[in-house]
Amino acid sequence: MAMKLHTLDELTDRDIDPIGTPRRDTFEQRLADEIRAYRIGEAIKMARESQSMTQEELGKKMGVQRAQVCRIESGKSITFASMMRAFKALGVQVALDMKGVGSVIL
């Protein structure tokens, strides 16, 4: 007997709700937010590693424990303030691109 295969969209429609429903919209927004946080964390990690710096060393420069740096780099505990502290400790200039408003160097 052949197993029926399903697309990700079919499974998401079945398990979350169809596109355009409030529950699906919330799910999609949360997923997009988590992906952005992950990408920011990866950028911090890449900047740290490019300087041959350990998480503990970055934590000392930021005034936090190594475990907090680990959470930031994984995108699990990232706030705008912690992101800015990490990039500042790494000496990385950050530009914020605001659609329709322009860019701001932070």
PDB file of N, CA and C in Angstrom:
ATOM      1  N   MET A   1       0.846  -1.173   0.000  1.00  0.00           N
ATOM      2  CA  MET A   1       0.000   0.000   0.000  1.00  0.00           C
ATOM      3  C   MET A   1       0.897   1.244   0.000  1.00  0.00           C
ATOM      4  N   ALA A   2       0.633   2.164  -0.904  1.00  0.00           N
ATOM      5  CA  ALA A   2       1.432   3.375  -1.039  1.00  0.00           C
ATOM      6  C   ALA A   2       1.040   4.404   0.029  1.00  0.00           C
ATOM      7  N   MET A   3       2.050   5.058   0.563  1.00  0.00           N
ATOM      8  CA  MET A   3       1.805   6.084   1.570  1.00  0.00           C
ATOM      9  C   MET A   3       1.470   7.399   0.866  1.00  0.00           C
ATOM     10  N   LYS A   4       0.459   8.100   1.338  1.00  0.00           N
ATOM     11  CA  LYS A   4       0.067   9.396   0.781  1.00  0.00           C
ATOM     12  C   LYS A   4       1.009  10.464   1.317  1.00  0.00           C
ATOM     13  N   LEU A   5       1.606  11.214   0.417  1.00  0.00           N
ATOM     14  CA  LEU A   5       2.490  12.309   0.805  1.00  0.00           C
ATOM     15  C   LEU A   5       1.718  13.617   0.753  1.00  0.00           C
ATOM     16  N   HIS A   6       2.056  14.515   1.662  1.00  0.00           N
ATOM     17  CA  HIS A   6       1.377  15.811   1.736  1.00  0.00           C
ATOM     18  C   HIS A   6       2.415  16.923   1.635  1.00  0.00           C
ATOM     19  N   THR A   7       2.004  18.028   1.046  1.00  0.00           N
ATOM     20  CA  THR A   7       2.878  19.193   0.998  1.00  0.00           C
ATOM     21  C   THR A   7       2.864  19.885   2.357  1.00  0.00           C
ATOM     22  N   LEU A   8       3.853  20.730   2.585  1.00  0.00           N
ATOM     23  CA  LEU A   8       3.891  21.504   3.823  1.00  0.00           C
ATOM     24  C   LEU A   8       2.656  22.394   3.928  1.00  0.00           C
ATOM     25  N   ASP A   9       2.244  22.982   2.817  1.00  0.00           N
ATOM     26  CA  ASP A   9       1.042  23.835   2.832  1.00  0.00           C
ATOM     27  C   ASP A   9      -0.200  23.050   3.242  1.00  0.00           C
ATOM     28  N   GLU A  10      -0.330  21.832   2.748  1.00  0.00           N
ATOM     29  CA  GLU A  10      -1.483  21.007   3.119  1.00  0.00           C
ATOM     30  C   GLU A  10      -1.484  20.702   4.618  1.00  0.00           C
ATOM     31  N   LEU A  11      -0.319  20.349   5.125  1.00  0.00           N
ATOM     32  CA  LEU A  11      -0.216  20.038   6.555  1.00  0.00           C
ATOM     33  C   LEU A  11      -0.467  21.276   7.417  1.00  0.00           C
ATOM     34  N   THR A  12       0.059  22.411   6.981  1.00  0.00           N
ATOM     35  CA  THR A  12      -0.145  23.646   7.737  1.00  0.00           C
ATOM     36  C   THR A  12      -1.618  24.043   7.708  1.00  0.00           C
ATOM     37  N   ASP A  13      -2.255  23.928   6.547  1.00  0.00           N
ATOM     38  CA  ASP A  13      -3.697  24.210   6.451  1.00  0.00           C
ATOM     39  C   ASP A  13      -4.477  23.304   7.405  1.00  0.00           C
ATOM     40  N   ARG A  14      -4.102  22.044   7.455  1.00  0.00           N
ATOM     41  CA  ARG A  14      -4.821  21.076   8.292  1.00  0.00           C
ATOM     42  C   ARG A  14      -4.553  21.311   9.780  1.00  0.00           C
ATOM     43  N   ASP A  15      -3.282  21.526  10.133  1.00  0.00           N
ATOM     44  CA  ASP A  15      -2.904  21.579  11.548  1.00  0.00           C
ATOM     45  C   ASP A  15      -2.997  22.971  12.174  1.00  0.00           C
ATOM     46  N   ILE A  16      -2.841  24.016  11.387  1.00  0.00           N
ATOM     47  CA  ILE A  16      -2.895  25.389  11.923  1.00  0.00           C
ATOM     48  C   ILE A  16      -4.237  26.014  11.568  1.00  0.00           C
ATOM     49  N   ASP A  17      -4.470  26.227  10.312  1.00  0.00           N
ATOM     50  CA  ASP A  17      -5.706  26.768   9.726  1.00  0.00           C
ATOM     51  C   ASP A  17      -5.340  27.240   8.330  1.00  0.00           C
ATOM     52  N   PRO A  18      -6.308  27.409   7.446  1.00  0.00           N
ATOM     53  CA  PRO A  18      -6.009  27.886   6.091  1.00  0.00           C
ATOM     54  C   PRO A  18      -5.464  29.323   6.089  1.00  0.00           C
ATOM     55  N   ILE A  19      -4.769  29.660   5.010  1.00  0.00           N
ATOM     56  CA  ILE A  19      -4.232  31.013   4.826  1.00  0.00           C
ATOM     57  C   ILE A  19      -5.374  32.017   4.906  1.00  0.00           C
ATOM     58  N   GLY A  20      -5.114  33.145   5.573  1.00  0.00           N
ATOM     59  CA  GLY A  20      -6.103  34.210   5.682  1.00  0.00           C
ATOM     60  C   GLY A  20      -6.933  34.163   6.943  1.00  0.00           C
ATOM     61  N   THR A  21      -6.789  33.101   7.728  1.00  0.00           N
ATOM     62  CA  THR A  21      -7.529  33.018   8.990  1.00  0.00           C
ATOM     63  C   THR A  21      -6.683  33.658  10.095  1.00  0.00           C
ATOM     64  N   PRO A  22      -7.292  34.192  11.129  1.00  0.00           N
ATOM     65  CA  PRO A  22      -6.528  34.842  12.196  1.00  0.00           C
ATOM     66  C   PRO A  22      -5.465  33.933  12.825  1.00  0.00           C
ATOM     67  N   ARG A  23      -5.807  32.681  13.056  1.00  0.00           N
ATOM     68  CA  ARG A  23      -4.841  31.761  13.675  1.00  0.00           C
ATOM     69  C   ARG A  23      -3.642  31.536  12.756  1.00  0.00           C
ATOM     70  N   ARG A  24      -3.875  31.382  11.461  1.00  0.00           N
ATOM     71  CA  ARG A  24      -2.786  31.192  10.502  1.00  0.00           C
ATOM     72  C   ARG A  24      -1.950  32.457  10.391  1.00  0.00           C
ATOM     73  N   ASP A  25      -2.602  33.621  10.369  1.00  0.00           N
ATOM     74  CA  ASP A  25      -1.868  34.887  10.294  1.00  0.00           C
ATOM     75  C   ASP A  25      -0.941  35.040  11.496  1.00  0.00           C
ATOM     76  N   THR A  26      -1.437  34.699  12.678  1.00  0.00           N
ATOM     77  CA  THR A  26      -0.614  34.765  13.895  1.00  0.00           C
ATOM     78  C   THR A  26       0.554  33.804  13.793  1.00  0.00           C
ATOM     79  N   PHE A  27       0.301  32.599  13.326  1.00  0.00           N
ATOM     80  CA  PHE A  27       1.357  31.605  13.147  1.00  0.00           C
ATOM     81  C   PHE A  27       2.419  32.108  12.175  1.00  0.00           C
ATOM     82  N   GLU A  28       1.999  32.633  11.026  1.00  0.00           N
ATOM     83  CA  GLU A  28       2.925  33.126  10.004  1.00  0.00           C
ATOM     84  C   GLU A  28       3.755  34.292  10.537  1.00  0.00           C
ATOM     85  N   GLN A  29       3.141  35.204  11.299  1.00  0.00           N
ATOM     86  CA  GLN A  29       3.865  36.345  11.850  1.00  0.00           C
ATOM     87  C   GLN A  29       4.892  35.888  12.876  1.00  0.00           C
ATOM     88  N   ARG A  30       4.491  34.964  13.747  1.00  0.00           N
ATOM     89  CA  ARG A  30       5.406  34.441  14.758  1.00  0.00           C
ATOM     90  C   ARG A  30       6.596  33.740  14.105  1.00  0.00           C
ATOM     91  N   LEU A  31       6.334  32.971  13.061  1.00  0.00           N
ATOM     92  CA  LEU A  31       7.393  32.285  12.337  1.00  0.00           C
ATOM     93  C   LEU A  31       8.352  33.286  11.698  1.00  0.00           C
ATOM     94  N   ALA A  32       7.816  34.325  11.066  1.00  0.00           N
ATOM     95  CA  ALA A  32       8.656  35.363  10.452  1.00  0.00           C
ATOM     96  C   ALA A  32       9.504  36.065  11.504  1.00  0.00           C
ATOM     97  N   ASP A  33       8.921  36.354  12.671  1.00  0.00           N
ATOM     98  CA  ASP A  33       9.671  36.996  13.758  1.00  0.00           C
ATOM     99  C   ASP A  33      10.808  36.104  14.249  1.00  0.00           C
ATOM    100  N   GLU A  34      10.537  34.809  14.381  1.00  0.00           N
ATOM    101  CA  GLU A  34      11.563  33.875  14.846  1.00  0.00           C
ATOM    102  C   GLU A  34      12.690  33.730  13.833  1.00  0.00           C
ATOM    103  N   ILE A  35      12.359  33.748  12.552  1.00  0.00           N
ATOM    104  CA  ILE A  35      13.385  33.669  11.509  1.00  0.00           C
ATOM    105  C   ILE A  35      14.256  34.914  11.536  1.00  0.00           C
ATOM    106  N   ARG A  36      13.644  36.100  11.698  1.00  0.00           N
ATOM    107  CA  ARG A  36      14.429  37.339  11.790  1.00  0.00           C
ATOM    108  C   ARG A  36      15.357  37.300  12.996  1.00  0.00           C
ATOM    109  N   ALA A  37      14.856  36.859  14.144  1.00  0.00           N
ATOM    110  CA  ALA A  37      15.679  36.775  15.353  1.00  0.00           C
ATOM    111  C   ALA A  37      16.837  35.807  15.144  1.00  0.00           C
ATOM    112  N   TYR A  38      16.571  34.688  14.499  1.00  0.00           N
ATOM    113  CA  TYR A  38      17.627  33.710  14.208  1.00  0.00           C
ATOM    114  C   TYR A  38      18.701  34.337  13.320  1.00  0.00           C
ATOM    115  N   ARG A  39      18.286  35.063  12.283  1.00  0.00           N
ATOM    116  CA  ARG A  39      19.249  35.684  11.360  1.00  0.00           C
ATOM    117  C   ARG A  39      20.098  36.740  12.068  1.00  0.00           C
ATOM    118  N   ILE A  40      19.490  37.516  12.946  1.00  0.00           N
ATOM    119  CA  ILE A  40      20.248  38.507  13.711  1.00  0.00           C
ATOM    120  C   ILE A  40      21.249  37.803  14.617  1.00  0.00           C
ATOM    121  N   GLY A  41      20.794  36.745  15.289  1.00  0.00           N
ATOM    122  CA  GLY A  41      21.689  35.968  16.141  1.00  0.00           C
ATOM    123  C   GLY A  41      22.853  35.394  15.357  1.00  0.00           C
ATOM    124  N   GLU A  42      22.583  34.899  14.171  1.00  0.00           N
ATOM    125  CA  GLU A  42      23.647  34.361  13.317  1.00  0.00           C
ATOM    126  C   GLU A  42      24.634  35.455  12.908  1.00  0.00           C
ATOM    127  N   ALA A  43      24.128  36.656  12.631  1.00  0.00           N
ATOM    128  CA  ALA A  43      25.009  37.773  12.267  1.00  0.00           C
ATOM    129  C   ALA A  43      25.928  38.129  13.435  1.00  0.00           C
ATOM    130  N   ILE A  44      25.387  38.116  14.647  1.00  0.00           N
ATOM    131  CA  ILE A  44      26.199  38.387  15.835  1.00  0.00           C
ATOM    132  C   ILE A  44      27.256  37.302  15.993  1.00  0.00           C
ATOM    133  N   LYS A  45      26.851  36.060  15.828  1.00  0.00           N
ATOM    134  CA  LYS A  45      27.786  34.940  15.948  1.00  0.00           C
ATOM    135  C   LYS A  45      28.897  35.043  14.902  1.00  0.00           C
ATOM    136  N   MET A  46      28.549  35.349  13.653  1.00  0.00           N
ATOM    137  CA  MET A  46      29.548  35.470  12.595  1.00  0.00           C
ATOM    138  C   MET A  46      30.524  36.596  12.892  1.00  0.00           C
ATOM    139  N   ALA A  47      30.013  37.726  13.378  1.00  0.00           N
ATOM    140  CA  ALA A  47      30.882  38.857  13.716  1.00  0.00           C
ATOM    141  C   ALA A  47      31.829  38.480  14.857  1.00  0.00           C
ATOM    142  N   ARG A  48      31.294  37.780  15.867  1.00  0.00           N
ATOM    143  CA  ARG A  48      32.120  37.356  16.999  1.00  0.00           C
ATOM    144  C   ARG A  48      33.201  36.387  16.537  1.00  0.00           C
ATOM    145  N   GLU A  49      32.820  35.390  15.751  1.00  0.00           N
ATOM    146  CA  GLU A  49      33.783  34.393  15.287  1.00  0.00           C
ATOM    147  C   GLU A  49      34.821  34.997  14.358  1.00  0.00           C
ATOM    148  N   SER A  50      34.440  35.995  13.566  1.00  0.00           N
ATOM    149  CA  SER A  50      35.401  36.633  12.661  1.00  0.00           C
ATOM    150  C   SER A  50      36.493  37.362  13.439  1.00  0.00           C
ATOM    151  N   GLN A  51      36.201  37.680  14.697  1.00  0.00           N
ATOM    152  CA  GLN A  51      37.187  38.337  15.566  1.00  0.00           C
ATOM    153  C   GLN A  51      37.861  37.332  16.503  1.00  0.00           C
ATOM    154  N   SER A  52      37.619  36.045  16.258  1.00  0.00           N
ATOM    155  CA  SER A  52      38.163  34.967  17.092  1.00  0.00           C
ATOM    156  C   SER A  52      37.856  35.196  18.569  1.00  0.00           C
ATOM    157  N   MET A  53      36.650  35.623  18.833  1.00  0.00           N
ATOM    158  CA  MET A  53      36.216  35.925  20.195  1.00  0.00           C
ATOM    159  C   MET A  53      35.304  34.800  20.683  1.00  0.00           C
ATOM    160  N   THR A  54      35.436  34.434  21.935  1.00  0.00           N
ATOM    161  CA  THR A  54      34.550  33.426  22.516  1.00  0.00           C
ATOM    162  C   THR A  54      33.265  34.095  22.988  1.00  0.00           C
ATOM    163  N   GLN A  55      32.260  33.267  23.250  1.00  0.00           N
ATOM    164  CA  GLN A  55      31.017  33.800  23.813  1.00  0.00           C
ATOM    165  C   GLN A  55      31.281  34.428  25.173  1.00  0.00           C
ATOM    166  N   GLU A  56      32.160  33.835  25.935  1.00  0.00           N
ATOM    167  CA  GLU A  56      32.478  34.377  27.256  1.00  0.00           C
ATOM    168  C   GLU A  56      33.116  35.759  27.132  1.00  0.00           C
ATOM    169  N   GLU A  57      34.024  35.921  26.173  1.00  0.00           N
ATOM    170  CA  GLU A  57      34.666  37.225  25.973  1.00  0.00           C
ATOM    171  C   GLU A  57      33.648  38.280  25.542  1.00  0.00           C
ATOM    172  N   LEU A  58      32.751  37.901  24.637  1.00  0.00           N
ATOM    173  CA  LEU A  58      31.718  38.848  24.218  1.00  0.00           C
ATOM    174  C   LEU A  58      30.805  39.182  25.388  1.00  0.00           C
ATOM    175  N   GLY A  59      30.472  38.180  26.178  1.00  0.00           N
ATOM    176  CA  GLY A  59      29.631  38.413  27.351  1.00  0.00           C
ATOM    177  C   GLY A  59      30.252  39.421  28.299  1.00  0.00           C
ATOM    178  N   LYS A  60      31.558  39.302  28.531  1.00  0.00           N
ATOM    179  CA  LYS A  60      32.243  40.267  29.413  1.00  0.00           C
ATOM    180  C   LYS A  60      32.162  41.671  28.849  1.00  0.00           C
ATOM    181  N   LYS A  61      32.341  41.806  27.537  1.00  0.00           N
ATOM    182  CA  LYS A  61      32.257  43.134  26.910  1.00  0.00           C
ATOM    183  C   LYS A  61      30.840  43.706  26.985  1.00  0.00           C
ATOM    184  N   MET A  62      29.849  42.808  26.964  1.00  0.00           N
ATOM    185  CA  MET A  62      28.450  43.242  27.018  1.00  0.00           C
ATOM    186  C   MET A  62      27.944  43.400  28.447  1.00  0.00           C
ATOM    187  N   GLY A  63      28.648  42.795  29.403  1.00  0.00           N
ATOM    188  CA  GLY A  63      28.195  42.820  30.787  1.00  0.00           C
ATOM    189  C   GLY A  63      27.143  41.769  31.086  1.00  0.00           C
ATOM    190  N   VAL A  64      27.198  40.638  30.352  1.00  0.00           N
ATOM    191  CA  VAL A  64      26.254  39.539  30.568  1.00  0.00           C
ATOM    192  C   VAL A  64      27.034  38.225  30.664  1.00  0.00           C
ATOM    193  N   GLN A  65      26.354  37.183  31.085  1.00  0.00           N
ATOM    194  CA  GLN A  65      26.956  35.856  31.174  1.00  0.00           C
ATOM    195  C   GLN A  65      27.056  35.220  29.784  1.00  0.00           C
ATOM    196  N   ARG A  66      27.948  34.236  29.646  1.00  0.00           N
ATOM    197  CA  ARG A  66      28.109  33.511  28.390  1.00  0.00           C
ATOM    198  C   ARG A  66      26.788  32.884  27.947  1.00  0.00           C
ATOM    199  N   ALA A  67      26.011  32.376  28.896  1.00  0.00           N
ATOM    200  CA  ALA A  67      24.730  31.743  28.562  1.00  0.00           C
ATOM    201  C   ALA A  67      23.793  32.726  27.864  1.00  0.00           C
ATOM    202  N   GLN A  68      23.818  33.988  28.265  1.00  0.00           N
ATOM    203  CA  GLN A  68      22.972  35.000  27.614  1.00  0.00           C
ATOM    204  C   GLN A  68      23.435  35.228  26.178  1.00  0.00           C
ATOM    205  N   VAL A  69      24.755  35.247  25.959  1.00  0.00           N
ATOM    206  CA  VAL A  69      25.272  35.391  24.594  1.00  0.00           C
ATOM    207  C   VAL A  69      24.810  34.213  23.745  1.00  0.00           C
ATOM    208  N   CYS A  70      24.842  33.028  24.308  1.00  0.00           N
ATOM    209  CA  CYS A  70      24.384  31.828  23.610  1.00  0.00           C
ATOM    210  C   CYS A  70      22.916  31.969  23.215  1.00  0.00           C
ATOM    211  N   ARG A  71      22.082  32.447  24.129  1.00  0.00           N
ATOM    212  CA  ARG A  71      20.657  32.630  23.824  1.00  0.00           C
ATOM    213  C   ARG A  71      20.454  33.700  22.746  1.00  0.00           C
ATOM    214  N   ILE A  72      21.230  34.765  22.800  1.00  0.00           N
ATOM    215  CA  ILE A  72      21.127  35.832  21.786  1.00  0.00           C
ATOM    216  C   ILE A  72      21.520  35.279  20.417  1.00  0.00           C
ATOM    217  N   GLU A  73      22.637  34.561  20.376  1.00  0.00           N
ATOM    218  CA  GLU A  73      23.107  34.027  19.099  1.00  0.00           C
ATOM    219  C   GLU A  73      22.156  32.989  18.509  1.00  0.00           C
ATOM    220  N   SER A  74      21.417  32.321  19.341  1.00  0.00           N
ATOM    221  CA  SER A  74      20.457  31.330  18.839  1.00  0.00           C
ATOM    222  C   SER A  74      19.125  31.977  18.468  1.00  0.00           C
ATOM    223  N   GLY A  75      18.980  33.278  18.761  1.00  0.00           N
ATOM    224  CA  GLY A  75      17.750  33.989  18.433  1.00  0.00           C
ATOM    225  C   GLY A  75      16.642  33.766  19.439  1.00  0.00           C
ATOM    226  N   LYS A  76      16.958  33.138  20.561  1.00  0.00           N
ATOM    227  CA  LYS A  76      15.922  32.802  21.548  1.00  0.00           C
ATOM    228  C   LYS A  76      15.656  33.908  22.555  1.00  0.00           C
ATOM    229  N   SER A  77      16.614  34.775  22.767  1.00  0.00           N
ATOM    230  CA  SER A  77      16.442  35.810  23.783  1.00  0.00           C
ATOM    231  C   SER A  77      17.037  37.110  23.264  1.00  0.00           C
ATOM    232  N   ILE A  78      16.511  37.556  22.132  1.00  0.00           N
ATOM    233  CA  ILE A  78      17.090  38.739  21.513  1.00  0.00           C
ATOM    234  C   ILE A  78      16.095  39.892  21.546  1.00  0.00           C
ATOM    235  N   THR A  79      16.560  40.985  22.082  1.00  0.00           N
ATOM    236  CA  THR A  79      15.780  42.220  22.076  1.00  0.00           C
ATOM    237  C   THR A  79      16.567  43.246  21.278  1.00  0.00           C
ATOM    238  N   PHE A  80      15.933  44.338  20.958  1.00  0.00           N
ATOM    239  CA  PHE A  80      16.645  45.395  20.239  1.00  0.00           C
ATOM    240  C   PHE A  80      17.837  45.872  21.062  1.00  0.00           C
ATOM    241  N   ALA A  81      17.635  46.033  22.363  1.00  0.00           N
ATOM    242  CA  ALA A  81      18.711  46.509  23.238  1.00  0.00           C
ATOM    243  C   ALA A  81      19.873  45.513  23.288  1.00  0.00           C
ATOM    244  N   SER A  82      19.569  44.205  23.414  1.00  0.00           N
ATOM    245  CA  SER A  82      20.650  43.230  23.489  1.00  0.00           C
ATOM    246  C   SER A  82      21.381  43.126  22.156  1.00  0.00           C
ATOM    247  N   MET A  83      20.657  43.251  21.066  1.00  0.00           N
ATOM    248  CA  MET A  83      21.285  43.241  19.747  1.00  0.00           C
ATOM    249  C   MET A  83      22.254  44.413  19.615  1.00  0.00           C
ATOM    250  N   MET A  84      21.806  45.587  20.024  1.00  0.00           N
ATOM    251  CA  MET A  84      22.657  46.768  19.920  1.00  0.00           C
ATOM    252  C   MET A  84      23.885  46.652  20.821  1.00  0.00           C
ATOM    253  N   ARG A  85      23.707  46.126  22.033  1.00  0.00           N
ATOM    254  CA  ARG A  85      24.849  45.943  22.941  1.00  0.00           C
ATOM    255  C   ARG A  85      25.857  44.973  22.354  1.00  0.00           C
ATOM    256  N   ALA A  86      25.375  43.910  21.733  1.00  0.00           N
ATOM    257  CA  ALA A  86      26.281  42.922  21.135  1.00  0.00           C
ATOM    258  C   ALA A  86      27.065  43.539  19.990  1.00  0.00           C
ATOM    259  N   PHE A  87      26.381  44.206  19.085  1.00  0.00           N
ATOM    260  CA  PHE A  87      27.081  44.797  17.947  1.00  0.00           C
ATOM    261  C   PHE A  87      28.038  45.901  18.398  1.00  0.00           C
ATOM    262  N   LYS A  88      27.645  46.674  19.401  1.00  0.00           N
ATOM    263  CA  LYS A  88      28.539  47.717  19.919  1.00  0.00           C
ATOM    264  C   LYS A  88      29.780  47.082  20.539  1.00  0.00           C
ATOM    265  N   ALA A  89      29.607  46.016  21.309  1.00  0.00           N
ATOM    266  CA  ALA A  89      30.744  45.330  21.928  1.00  0.00           C
ATOM    267  C   ALA A  89      31.663  44.738  20.869  1.00  0.00           C
ATOM    268  N   LEU A  90      31.103  44.384  19.726  1.00  0.00           N
ATOM    269  CA  LEU A  90      31.892  43.820  18.635  1.00  0.00           C
ATOM    270  C   LEU A  90      32.483  44.899  17.733  1.00  0.00           C
ATOM    271  N   GLY A  91      32.092  46.144  17.953  1.00  0.00           N
ATOM    272  CA  GLY A  91      32.586  47.241  17.122  1.00  0.00           C
ATOM    273  C   GLY A  91      31.979  47.243  15.730  1.00  0.00           C
ATOM    274  N   VAL A  92      30.767  46.690  15.609  1.00  0.00           N
ATOM    275  CA  VAL A  92      30.092  46.600  14.314  1.00  0.00           C
ATOM    276  C   VAL A  92      29.048  47.709  14.234  1.00  0.00           C
ATOM    277  N   GLN A  93      29.135  48.509  13.168  1.00  0.00           N
ATOM    278  CA  GLN A  93      28.152  49.568  12.969  1.00  0.00           C
ATOM    279  C   GLN A  93      26.882  48.972  12.385  1.00  0.00           C
ATOM    280  N   VAL A  94      25.740  49.383  12.894  1.00  0.00           N
ATOM    281  CA  VAL A  94      24.445  48.848  12.475  1.00  0.00           C
ATOM    282  C   VAL A  94      23.656  49.948  11.783  1.00  0.00           C
ATOM    283  N   ALA A  95      23.045  49.578  10.654  1.00  0.00           N
ATOM    284  CA  ALA A  95      22.160  50.493   9.941  1.00  0.00           C
ATOM    285  C   ALA A  95      20.765  49.887   9.950  1.00  0.00           C
ATOM    286  N   LEU A  96      19.799  50.687  10.325  1.00  0.00           N
ATOM    287  CA  LEU A  96      18.413  50.255  10.368  1.00  0.00           C
ATOM    288  C   LEU A  96      17.705  50.821   9.145  1.00  0.00           C
ATOM    289  N   ASP A  97      17.175  49.940   8.298  1.00  0.00           N
ATOM    290  CA  ASP A  97      16.473  50.361   7.090  1.00  0.00           C
ATOM    291  C   ASP A  97      14.978  50.340   7.370  1.00  0.00           C
ATOM    292  N   MET A  98      14.374  51.516   7.380  1.00  0.00           N
ATOM    293  CA  MET A  98      12.944  51.630   7.640  1.00  0.00           C
ATOM    294  C   MET A  98      12.247  51.956   6.327  1.00  0.00           C
ATOM    295  N   LYS A  99      11.494  51.001   5.833  1.00  0.00           N
ATOM    296  CA  LYS A  99      10.821  51.157   4.541  1.00  0.00           C
ATOM    297  C   LYS A  99       9.954  52.419   4.542  1.00  0.00           C
ATOM    298  N   GLY A 100      10.155  53.246   3.543  1.00  0.00           N
ATOM    299  CA  GLY A 100       9.363  54.451   3.387  1.00  0.00           C
ATOM    300  C   GLY A 100       9.886  55.632   4.201  1.00  0.00           C
ATOM    301  N   VAL A 101      10.828  55.372   5.111  1.00  0.00           N
ATOM    302  CA  VAL A 101      11.380  56.447   5.941  1.00  0.00           C
ATOM    303  C   VAL A 101      12.852  56.693   5.605  1.00  0.00           C
ATOM    304  N   GLY A 102      13.590  55.613   5.404  1.00  0.00           N
ATOM    305  CA  GLY A 102      15.008  55.710   5.095  1.00  0.00           C
ATOM    306  C   GLY A 102      15.835  54.910   6.072  1.00  0.00           C
ATOM    307  N   SER A 103      17.144  55.070   5.970  1.00  0.00           N
ATOM    308  CA  SER A 103      18.069  54.329   6.820  1.00  0.00           C
ATOM    309  C   SER A 103      18.600  55.215   7.938  1.00  0.00           C
ATOM    310  N   VAL A 104      18.888  54.584   9.056  1.00  0.00           N
ATOM    311  CA  VAL A 104      19.460  55.267  10.205  1.00  0.00           C
ATOM    312  C   VAL A 104      20.657  54.454  10.668  1.00  0.00           C
ATOM    313  N   ILE A 105      21.804  55.096  10.824  1.00  0.00           N
ATOM    314  CA  ILE A 105      22.985  54.444  11.386  1.00  0.00           C
ATOM    315  C   ILE A 105      22.871  54.498  12.891  1.00  0.00           C
ATOM    316  N   LEU A 106      22.964  53.343  13.552  1.00  0.00           N
ATOM    317  CA  LEU A 106      22.811  53.278  15.001  1.00  0.00           C
ATOM    318  C   LEU A 106      24.158  53.128  15.672  1.00  0.00           C
TER     319      LEU A 106
END
